[in-house]
């Protein structure tokens, strides 16, 4: 069964393709070039935003790894000293 999101995406994609094909005539060449430039600018901004998000995610990933290592060390210490007890 096709998901509603997939159906919606297919409809949007077909509309985009139809619009691009109708704009690809010589009379619309200038408008198409302007549209392509605007699209390129938007993609550049999107890429910059994604890079910033990735940098922030690296910090979160580092903290998560540090916590995981700390948890592993605590467990090792508790087991080594026979201090590990069942939760109450």
PDB file of N, CA and C in Angstrom:
ATOM      1  N   UNK A   1       0.847  -1.184   0.000  1.00  0.00           N
ATOM      2  CA  UNK A   1       0.000   0.000   0.000  1.00  0.00           C
ATOM      3  C   UNK A   1       0.894   1.250   0.000  1.00  0.00           C
ATOM      4  N   UNK A   2       0.584   2.167  -0.859  1.00  0.00           N
ATOM      5  CA  UNK A   2       1.378   3.387  -0.994  1.00  0.00           C
ATOM      6  C   UNK A   2       1.056   4.336   0.157  1.00  0.00           C
ATOM      7  N   UNK A   3       2.083   4.913   0.752  1.00  0.00           N
ATOM      8  CA  UNK A   3       1.852   5.825   1.877  1.00  0.00           C
ATOM      9  C   UNK A   3       1.316   7.156   1.355  1.00  0.00           C
ATOM     10  N   UNK A   4       0.536   7.872   2.177  1.00  0.00           N
ATOM     11  CA  UNK A   4       0.018   9.179   1.739  1.00  0.00           C
ATOM     12  C   UNK A   4       1.137  10.186   1.498  1.00  0.00           C
ATOM     13  N   UNK A   5       2.226  10.062   2.251  1.00  0.00           N
ATOM     14  CA  UNK A   5       3.353  10.984   2.049  1.00  0.00           C
ATOM     15  C   UNK A   5       3.998  10.751   0.683  1.00  0.00           C
ATOM     16  N   UNK A   6       4.141   9.487   0.310  1.00  0.00           N
ATOM     17  CA  UNK A   6       4.731   9.165  -0.992  1.00  0.00           C
ATOM     18  C   UNK A   6       3.841   9.688  -2.116  1.00  0.00           C
ATOM     19  N   UNK A   7       2.534   9.540  -1.958  1.00  0.00           N
ATOM     20  CA  UNK A   7       1.594  10.030  -2.971  1.00  0.00           C
ATOM     21  C   UNK A   7       1.709  11.553  -3.099  1.00  0.00           C
ATOM     22  N   UNK A   8       1.768  12.239  -1.946  1.00  0.00           N
ATOM     23  CA  UNK A   8       1.890  13.701  -1.948  1.00  0.00           C
ATOM     24  C   UNK A   8       3.203  14.132  -2.607  1.00  0.00           C
ATOM     25  N   UNK A   9       4.286  13.429  -2.315  1.00  0.00           N
ATOM     26  CA  UNK A   9       5.576  13.754  -2.919  1.00  0.00           C
ATOM     27  C   UNK A   9       5.549  13.543  -4.427  1.00  0.00           C
ATOM     28  N   UNK A  10       4.889  12.474  -4.875  1.00  0.00           N
ATOM     29  CA  UNK A  10       4.787  12.223  -6.316  1.00  0.00           C
ATOM     30  C   UNK A  10       3.996  13.324  -7.011  1.00  0.00           C
ATOM     31  N   UNK A  11       2.919  13.792  -6.382  1.00  0.00           N
ATOM     32  CA  UNK A  11       2.139  14.886  -6.962  1.00  0.00           C
ATOM     33  C   UNK A  11       2.984  16.162  -7.071  1.00  0.00           C
ATOM     34  N   UNK A  12       3.711  16.481  -6.005  1.00  0.00           N
ATOM     35  CA  UNK A  12       4.560  17.678  -6.030  1.00  0.00           C
ATOM     36  C   UNK A  12       5.653  17.567  -7.084  1.00  0.00           C
ATOM     37  N   UNK A  13       6.262  16.392  -7.171  1.00  0.00           N
ATOM     38  CA  UNK A  13       7.317  16.183  -8.160  1.00  0.00           C
ATOM     39  C   UNK A  13       6.780  16.334  -9.578  1.00  0.00           C
ATOM     40  N   UNK A  14       5.595  15.802  -9.844  1.00  0.00           N
ATOM     41  CA  UNK A  14       5.030  15.933 -11.194  1.00  0.00           C
ATOM     42  C   UNK A  14       4.712  17.391 -11.512  1.00  0.00           C
ATOM     43  N   UNK A  15       4.250  18.158 -10.509  1.00  0.00           N
ATOM     44  CA  UNK A  15       3.992  19.583 -10.732  1.00  0.00           C
ATOM     45  C   UNK A  15       5.288  20.328 -11.038  1.00  0.00           C
ATOM     46  N   UNK A  16       6.344  20.002 -10.307  1.00  0.00           N
ATOM     47  CA  UNK A  16       7.641  20.651 -10.540  1.00  0.00           C
ATOM     48  C   UNK A  16       8.142  20.341 -11.943  1.00  0.00           C
ATOM     49  N   UNK A  17       8.062  19.084 -12.336  1.00  0.00           N
ATOM     50  CA  UNK A  17       8.526  18.684 -13.675  1.00  0.00           C
ATOM     51  C   UNK A  17       7.717  19.388 -14.749  1.00  0.00           C
ATOM     52  N   UNK A  18       6.402  19.449 -14.576  1.00  0.00           N
ATOM     53  CA  UNK A  18       5.539  20.128 -15.553  1.00  0.00           C
ATOM     54  C   UNK A  18       5.922  21.598 -15.673  1.00  0.00           C
ATOM     55  N   UNK A  19       6.153  22.258 -14.542  1.00  0.00           N
ATOM     56  CA  UNK A  19       6.527  23.674 -14.571  1.00  0.00           C
ATOM     57  C   UNK A  19       7.888  23.888 -15.222  1.00  0.00           C
ATOM     58  N   UNK A  20       8.840  23.023 -14.933  1.00  0.00           N
ATOM     59  CA  UNK A  20      10.170  23.162 -15.534  1.00  0.00           C
ATOM     60  C   UNK A  20      10.095  22.969 -17.041  1.00  0.00           C
ATOM     61  N   UNK A  21       9.343  21.972 -17.492  1.00  0.00           N
ATOM     62  CA  UNK A  21       9.221  21.716 -18.932  1.00  0.00           C
ATOM     63  C   UNK A  21       8.546  22.890 -19.621  1.00  0.00           C
ATOM     64  N   UNK A  22       7.500  23.461 -19.004  1.00  0.00           N
ATOM     65  CA  UNK A  22       6.804  24.583 -19.639  1.00  0.00           C
ATOM     66  C   UNK A  22       7.680  25.834 -19.666  1.00  0.00           C
ATOM     67  N   UNK A  23       8.623  25.955 -18.742  1.00  0.00           N
ATOM     68  CA  UNK A  23       9.516  27.108 -18.707  1.00  0.00           C
ATOM     69  C   UNK A  23      10.724  26.930 -19.607  1.00  0.00           C
ATOM     70  N   UNK A  24      10.920  25.761 -20.135  1.00  0.00           N
ATOM     71  CA  UNK A  24      12.134  25.480 -20.905  1.00  0.00           C
ATOM     72  C   UNK A  24      12.040  25.919 -22.361  1.00  0.00           C
ATOM     73  N   UNK A  25      11.118  26.789 -22.688  1.00  0.00           N
ATOM     74  CA  UNK A  25      11.013  27.307 -24.046  1.00  0.00           C
ATOM     75  C   UNK A  25      11.923  28.530 -24.173  1.00  0.00           C
ATOM     76  N   UNK A  26      12.345  28.890 -25.399  1.00  0.00           N
ATOM     77  CA  UNK A  26      13.240  30.047 -25.571  1.00  0.00           C
ATOM     78  C   UNK A  26      12.677  31.343 -25.001  1.00  0.00           C
ATOM     79  N   UNK A  27      11.355  31.522 -25.048  1.00  0.00           N
ATOM     80  CA  UNK A  27      10.754  32.750 -24.530  1.00  0.00           C
ATOM     81  C   UNK A  27      10.947  32.870 -23.023  1.00  0.00           C
ATOM     82  N   UNK A  28      11.085  31.751 -22.369  1.00  0.00           N
ATOM     83  CA  UNK A  28      11.234  31.762 -20.917  1.00  0.00           C
ATOM     84  C   UNK A  28      12.681  31.554 -20.472  1.00  0.00           C
ATOM     85  N   UNK A  29      13.622  31.622 -21.384  1.00  0.00           N
ATOM     86  CA  UNK A  29      15.023  31.328 -21.053  1.00  0.00           C
ATOM     87  C   UNK A  29      15.553  32.258 -19.965  1.00  0.00           C
ATOM     88  N   UNK A  30      15.245  33.563 -20.060  1.00  0.00           N
ATOM     89  CA  UNK A  30      15.722  34.514 -19.058  1.00  0.00           C
ATOM     90  C   UNK A  30      15.092  34.234 -17.708  1.00  0.00           C
ATOM     91  N   UNK A  31      13.777  33.991 -17.712  1.00  0.00           N
ATOM     92  CA  UNK A  31      13.090  33.684 -16.459  1.00  0.00           C
ATOM     93  C   UNK A  31      13.624  32.391 -15.857  1.00  0.00           C
ATOM     94  N   UNK A  32      13.924  31.430 -16.707  1.00  0.00           N
ATOM     95  CA  UNK A  32      14.457  30.155 -16.235  1.00  0.00           C
ATOM     96  C   UNK A  32      15.825  30.355 -15.604  1.00  0.00           C
ATOM     97  N   UNK A  33      16.656  31.194 -16.223  1.00  0.00           N
ATOM     98  CA  UNK A  33      17.983  31.473 -15.672  1.00  0.00           C
ATOM     99  C   UNK A  33      17.861  32.143 -14.310  1.00  0.00           C
ATOM    100  N   UNK A  34      16.942  33.090 -14.188  1.00  0.00           N
ATOM    101  CA  UNK A  34      16.722  33.764 -12.906  1.00  0.00           C
ATOM    102  C   UNK A  34      16.233  32.762 -11.867  1.00  0.00           C
ATOM    103  N   UNK A  35      15.319  31.890 -12.270  1.00  0.00           N
ATOM    104  CA  UNK A  35      14.802  30.876 -11.353  1.00  0.00           C
ATOM    105  C   UNK A  35      15.910  29.927 -10.916  1.00  0.00           C
ATOM    106  N   UNK A  36      16.786  29.559 -11.846  1.00  0.00           N
ATOM    107  CA  UNK A  36      17.900  28.673 -11.502  1.00  0.00           C
ATOM    108  C   UNK A  36      18.853  29.356 -10.521  1.00  0.00           C
ATOM    109  N   UNK A  37      19.098  30.647 -10.732  1.00  0.00           N
ATOM    110  CA  UNK A  37      19.976  31.383  -9.822  1.00  0.00           C
ATOM    111  C   UNK A  37      19.377  31.446  -8.422  1.00  0.00           C
ATOM    112  N   UNK A  38      18.063  31.706  -8.349  1.00  0.00           N
ATOM    113  CA  UNK A  38      17.397  31.747  -7.046  1.00  0.00           C
ATOM    114  C   UNK A  38      17.436  30.376  -6.380  1.00  0.00           C
ATOM    115  N   UNK A  39      17.235  29.328  -7.172  1.00  0.00           N
ATOM    116  CA  UNK A  39      17.296  27.970  -6.637  1.00  0.00           C
ATOM    117  C   UNK A  39      18.699  27.665  -6.112  1.00  0.00           C
ATOM    118  N   UNK A  40      19.717  28.055  -6.881  1.00  0.00           N
ATOM    119  CA  UNK A  40      21.101  27.836  -6.443  1.00  0.00           C
ATOM    120  C   UNK A  40      21.400  28.581  -5.147  1.00  0.00           C
ATOM    121  N   UNK A  41      20.919  29.830  -5.037  1.00  0.00           N
ATOM    122  CA  UNK A  41      21.120  30.599  -3.811  1.00  0.00           C
ATOM    123  C   UNK A  41      20.447  29.911  -2.629  1.00  0.00           C
ATOM    124  N   UNK A  42      19.232  29.419  -2.855  1.00  0.00           N
ATOM    125  CA  UNK A  42      18.506  28.735  -1.782  1.00  0.00           C
ATOM    126  C   UNK A  42      19.234  27.467  -1.351  1.00  0.00           C
ATOM    127  N   UNK A  43      19.789  26.742  -2.306  1.00  0.00           N
ATOM    128  CA  UNK A  43      20.513  25.507  -1.982  1.00  0.00           C
ATOM    129  C   UNK A  43      21.806  25.824  -1.236  1.00  0.00           C
ATOM    130  N   UNK A  44      22.475  26.905  -1.605  1.00  0.00           N
ATOM    131  CA  UNK A  44      23.688  27.312  -0.887  1.00  0.00           C
ATOM    132  C   UNK A  44      23.342  27.640   0.566  1.00  0.00           C
ATOM    133  N   UNK A  45      22.251  28.380   0.779  1.00  0.00           N
ATOM    134  CA  UNK A  45      21.827  28.702   2.143  1.00  0.00           C
ATOM    135  C   UNK A  45      21.455  27.439   2.913  1.00  0.00           C
ATOM    136  N   UNK A  46      20.772  26.522   2.247  1.00  0.00           N
ATOM    137  CA  UNK A  46      20.405  25.255   2.875  1.00  0.00           C
ATOM    138  C   UNK A  46      21.650  24.478   3.284  1.00  0.00           C
ATOM    139  N   UNK A  47      22.640  24.419   2.401  1.00  0.00           N
ATOM    140  CA  UNK A  47      23.886  23.709   2.710  1.00  0.00           C
ATOM    141  C   UNK A  47      24.608  24.335   3.899  1.00  0.00           C
ATOM    142  N   UNK A  48      24.630  25.674   3.959  1.00  0.00           N
ATOM    143  CA  UNK A  48      25.270  26.344   5.096  1.00  0.00           C
ATOM    144  C   UNK A  48      24.549  26.005   6.394  1.00  0.00           C
ATOM    145  N   UNK A  49      23.215  26.012   6.348  1.00  0.00           N
ATOM    146  CA  UNK A  49      22.437  25.654   7.532  1.00  0.00           C
ATOM    147  C   UNK A  49      22.695  24.226   7.967  1.00  0.00           C
ATOM    148  N   UNK A  50      22.773  23.316   6.999  1.00  0.00           N
ATOM    149  CA  UNK A  50      23.045  21.912   7.322  1.00  0.00           C
ATOM    150  C   UNK A  50      24.441  21.736   7.910  1.00  0.00           C
ATOM    151  N   UNK A  51      25.406  22.497   7.410  1.00  0.00           N
ATOM    152  CA  UNK A  51      26.761  22.424   7.968  1.00  0.00           C
ATOM    153  C   UNK A  51      26.766  22.866   9.430  1.00  0.00           C
ATOM    154  N   UNK A  52      26.030  23.939   9.736  1.00  0.00           N
ATOM    155  CA  UNK A  52      25.958  24.412  11.117  1.00  0.00           C
ATOM    156  C   UNK A  52      25.294  23.367  12.013  1.00  0.00           C
ATOM    157  N   UNK A  53      24.236  22.744  11.518  1.00  0.00           N
ATOM    158  CA  UNK A  53      23.556  21.697  12.283  1.00  0.00           C
ATOM    159  C   UNK A  53      24.494  20.525  12.520  1.00  0.00           C
ATOM    160  N   UNK A  54      25.246  20.141  11.495  1.00  0.00           N
ATOM    161  CA  UNK A  54      26.192  19.030  11.643  1.00  0.00           C
ATOM    162  C   UNK A  54      27.268  19.339  12.677  1.00  0.00           C
ATOM    163  N   UNK A  55      27.733  20.582  12.713  1.00  0.00           N
ATOM    164  CA  UNK A  55      28.735  20.969  13.709  1.00  0.00           C
ATOM    165  C   UNK A  55      28.152  20.841  15.111  1.00  0.00           C
ATOM    166  N   UNK A  56      26.918  21.329  15.300  1.00  0.00           N
ATOM    167  CA  UNK A  56      26.273  21.204  16.609  1.00  0.00           C
ATOM    168  C   UNK A  56      26.034  19.744  16.969  1.00  0.00           C
ATOM    169  N   UNK A  57      25.666  18.933  15.992  1.00  0.00           N
ATOM    170  CA  UNK A  57      25.448  17.508  16.249  1.00  0.00           C
ATOM    171  C   UNK A  57      26.740  16.816  16.666  1.00  0.00           C
ATOM    172  N   UNK A  58      27.867  17.274  16.141  1.00  0.00           N
ATOM    173  CA  UNK A  58      29.150  16.686  16.537  1.00  0.00           C
ATOM    174  C   UNK A  58      29.391  16.913  18.026  1.00  0.00           C
ATOM    175  N   UNK A  59      29.016  18.090  18.535  1.00  0.00           N
ATOM    176  CA  UNK A  59      29.165  18.369  19.963  1.00  0.00           C
ATOM    177  C   UNK A  59      28.272  17.449  20.790  1.00  0.00           C
ATOM    178  N   UNK A  60      27.044  17.265  20.358  1.00  0.00           N
ATOM    179  CA  UNK A  60      26.119  16.376  21.063  1.00  0.00           C
ATOM    180  C   UNK A  60      26.640  14.948  21.035  1.00  0.00           C
ATOM    181  N   UNK A  61      27.146  14.527  19.892  1.00  0.00           N
ATOM    182  CA  UNK A  61      27.694  13.175  19.758  1.00  0.00           C
ATOM    183  C   UNK A  61      28.890  12.980  20.691  1.00  0.00           C
ATOM    184  N   UNK A  62      29.729  13.992  20.810  1.00  0.00           N
ATOM    185  CA  UNK A  62      30.891  13.912  21.696  1.00  0.00           C
ATOM    186  C   UNK A  62      30.453  13.744  23.151  1.00  0.00           C
ATOM    187  N   UNK A  63      29.484  14.532  23.591  1.00  0.00           N
ATOM    188  CA  UNK A  63      28.989  14.429  24.967  1.00  0.00           C
ATOM    189  C   UNK A  63      28.355  13.061  25.202  1.00  0.00           C
ATOM    190  N   UNK A  64      27.600  12.564  24.237  1.00  0.00           N
ATOM    191  CA  UNK A  64      26.980  11.244  24.371  1.00  0.00           C
ATOM    192  C   UNK A  64      28.040  10.153  24.493  1.00  0.00           C
ATOM    193  N   UNK A  65      29.098  10.249  23.710  1.00  0.00           N
ATOM    194  CA  UNK A  65      30.180   9.260  23.782  1.00  0.00           C
ATOM    195  C   UNK A  65      30.902   9.342  25.125  1.00  0.00           C
ATOM    196  N   UNK A  66      31.116  10.572  25.616  1.00  0.00           N
ATOM    197  CA  UNK A  66      31.750  10.733  26.925  1.00  0.00           C
ATOM    198  C   UNK A  66      30.895  10.103  28.024  1.00  0.00           C
ATOM    199  N   UNK A  67      29.590  10.317  27.973  1.00  0.00           N
ATOM    200  CA  UNK A  67      28.696   9.742  28.976  1.00  0.00           C
ATOM    201  C   UNK A  67      28.690   8.223  28.890  1.00  0.00           C
ATOM    202  N   UNK A  68      28.687   7.696  27.680  1.00  0.00           N
ATOM    203  CA  UNK A  68      28.713   6.240  27.498  1.00  0.00           C
ATOM    204  C   UNK A  68      29.989   5.651  28.098  1.00  0.00           C
ATOM    205  N   UNK A  69      31.130   6.297  27.847  1.00  0.00           N
ATOM    206  CA  UNK A  69      32.400   5.834  28.410  1.00  0.00           C
ATOM    207  C   UNK A  69      32.393   5.921  29.934  1.00  0.00           C
ATOM    208  N   UNK A  70      31.843   7.020  30.464  1.00  0.00           N
ATOM    209  CA  UNK A  70      31.757   7.182  31.913  1.00  0.00           C
ATOM    210  C   UNK A  70      30.903   6.069  32.516  1.00  0.00           C
ATOM    211  N   UNK A  71      29.766   5.800  31.898  1.00  0.00           N
ATOM    212  CA  UNK A  71      28.868   4.753  32.382  1.00  0.00           C
ATOM    213  C   UNK A  71      29.570   3.394  32.362  1.00  0.00           C
ATOM    214  N   UNK A  72      30.310   3.126  31.307  1.00  0.00           N
ATOM    215  CA  UNK A  72      31.050   1.870  31.205  1.00  0.00           C
ATOM    216  C   UNK A  72      32.115   1.770  32.293  1.00  0.00           C
ATOM    217  N   UNK A  73      32.816   2.868  32.556  1.00  0.00           N
ATOM    218  CA  UNK A  73      33.845   2.882  33.602  1.00  0.00           C
ATOM    219  C   UNK A  73      33.246   2.677  34.990  1.00  0.00           C
ATOM    220  N   UNK A  74      32.107   3.303  35.248  1.00  0.00           N
ATOM    221  CA  UNK A  74      31.440   3.136  36.542  1.00  0.00           C
ATOM    222  C   UNK A  74      31.019   1.687  36.729  1.00  0.00           C
ATOM    223  N   UNK A  75      30.433   1.095  35.700  1.00  0.00           N
ATOM    224  CA  UNK A  75      30.016  -0.303  35.781  1.00  0.00           C
ATOM    225  C   UNK A  75      31.218  -1.208  36.035  1.00  0.00           C
ATOM    226  N   UNK A  76      32.317  -0.968  35.337  1.00  0.00           N
ATOM    227  CA  UNK A  76      33.531  -1.771  35.533  1.00  0.00           C
ATOM    228  C   UNK A  76      34.029  -1.648  36.970  1.00  0.00           C
ATOM    229  N   UNK A  77      34.058  -0.410  37.483  1.00  0.00           N
ATOM    230  CA  UNK A  77      34.529  -0.190  38.852  1.00  0.00           C
ATOM    231  C   UNK A  77      33.628  -0.896  39.862  1.00  0.00           C
ATOM    232  N   UNK A  78      32.307  -0.773  39.691  1.00  0.00           N
ATOM    233  CA  UNK A  78      31.385  -1.414  40.629  1.00  0.00           C
ATOM    234  C   UNK A  78      31.528  -2.932  40.597  1.00  0.00           C
ATOM    235  N   UNK A  79      31.711  -3.489  39.410  1.00  0.00           N
ATOM    236  CA  UNK A  79      31.891  -4.941  39.309  1.00  0.00           C
ATOM    237  C   UNK A  79      33.230  -5.368  39.912  1.00  0.00           C
ATOM    238  N   UNK A  80      34.273  -4.582  39.697  1.00  0.00           N
ATOM    239  CA  UNK A  80      35.605  -4.928  40.193  1.00  0.00           C
ATOM    240  C   UNK A  80      35.682  -4.859  41.718  1.00  0.00           C
ATOM    241  N   UNK A  81      34.900  -3.978  42.320  1.00  0.00           N
ATOM    242  CA  UNK A  81      34.932  -3.825  43.780  1.00  0.00           C
ATOM    243  C   UNK A  81      33.798  -4.568  44.460  1.00  0.00           C
ATOM    244  N   UNK A  82      33.067  -5.373  43.714  1.00  0.00           N
ATOM    245  CA  UNK A  82      31.901  -6.110  44.231  1.00  0.00           C
ATOM    246  C   UNK A  82      30.890  -5.177  44.895  1.00  0.00           C
ATOM    247  N   UNK A  83      30.742  -3.989  44.362  1.00  0.00           N
ATOM    248  CA  UNK A  83      29.794  -3.016  44.913  1.00  0.00           C
ATOM    249  C   UNK A  83      28.513  -2.938  44.098  1.00  0.00           C
ATOM    250  N   UNK A  84      28.428  -3.699  43.037  1.00  0.00           N
ATOM    251  CA  UNK A  84      27.260  -3.646  42.159  1.00  0.00           C
ATOM    252  C   UNK A  84      26.089  -4.339  42.833  1.00  0.00           C
ATOM    253  N   UNK A  85      24.991  -3.617  42.998  1.00  0.00           N
ATOM    254  CA  UNK A  85      23.789  -4.161  43.631  1.00  0.00           C
ATOM    255  C   UNK A  85      22.629  -4.092  42.657  1.00  0.00           C
ATOM    256  N   UNK A  86      21.646  -4.955  42.884  1.00  0.00           N
ATOM    257  CA  UNK A  86      20.427  -4.924  42.078  1.00  0.00           C
ATOM    258  C   UNK A  86      19.653  -3.648  42.411  1.00  0.00           C
ATOM    259  N   UNK A  87      18.992  -3.055  41.432  1.00  0.00           N
ATOM    260  CA  UNK A  87      18.188  -1.863  41.722  1.00  0.00           C
ATOM    261  C   UNK A  87      17.029  -2.224  42.653  1.00  0.00           C
ATOM    262  N   UNK A  88      16.687  -1.307  43.527  1.00  0.00           N
ATOM    263  CA  UNK A  88      15.600  -1.599  44.472  1.00  0.00           C
ATOM    264  C   UNK A  88      14.266  -1.116  43.965  1.00  0.00           C
TER     265      UNK A  88
END
